[in-house]
Amino acid sequence: NKEVLPEIEEILNRFERLLKNERLNESDFNLMLKRGNKTLEIFYDEKKKDILEQDKIEFNFKNQGVVLGEAHLTGKIDRMRVLDGEIIVTDFKTGKNIEDWDPKDKYDKIKAWKYRNQLVFYKILVENSNDFGGKYLMSKGIIEFVEPEKEKIIDLELKIEDGEVERMKKIIEVIYKKIKNLDFPDISE
């Protein structure tokens, strides 16, 4: 039995029901409803052809046995797509878009750096997990900004280099040891 993508009306109705559970005041509710409906309509229209039944949505790595040194790693990935021995990871972001990995604005540079590290971390999760490790490679990740910029959804792709992965592994091991030994910096000042 093949899954069928729900119609946009059903998605908008579900969004409104979920938003009501957030206990917002009337003004915030109306603002978020209008913003969310516009975003969902544009996203649905632009991306509905790109949603595949076999995509893994909100995949949780809690029970995937990912261990790096002594550190047990976990995380939840928004979307994973398996294609020909490769996994492509997509992380959805709301809020202000960035259009490339080297933005001019200093705050956007920090955001780009965080997003890049997140995708590198996901590569470590995927390639060292029980279900996917040794079977699939993750050579690229995508940050997908779901709130449209000029009526367009922005996708920011990253080809992940081996050097970035090795650096992230070393950082994880060092930070894990510091946490385990309660070796925290003095922030009393």
Foldseek 3Di string as FASTA:
>chain_A
DDDDDDDLVVVLVVVLVVLVVVPDPPVVSVVCSVQVSLLSVLLCVVCVVVDDPPKDAQAWQPPFQQQQPNDGDIDTFGIWDDDDQAIETEHEDEDDDDQALDDDDPVVVVVSVVVLLVVLVVQSSQCRTNVRHPRHGYQKYWYWYSRDDVSHIHIYMDGDDPVSNVVSSVVVVVVVVCVVVVPDDDPVD
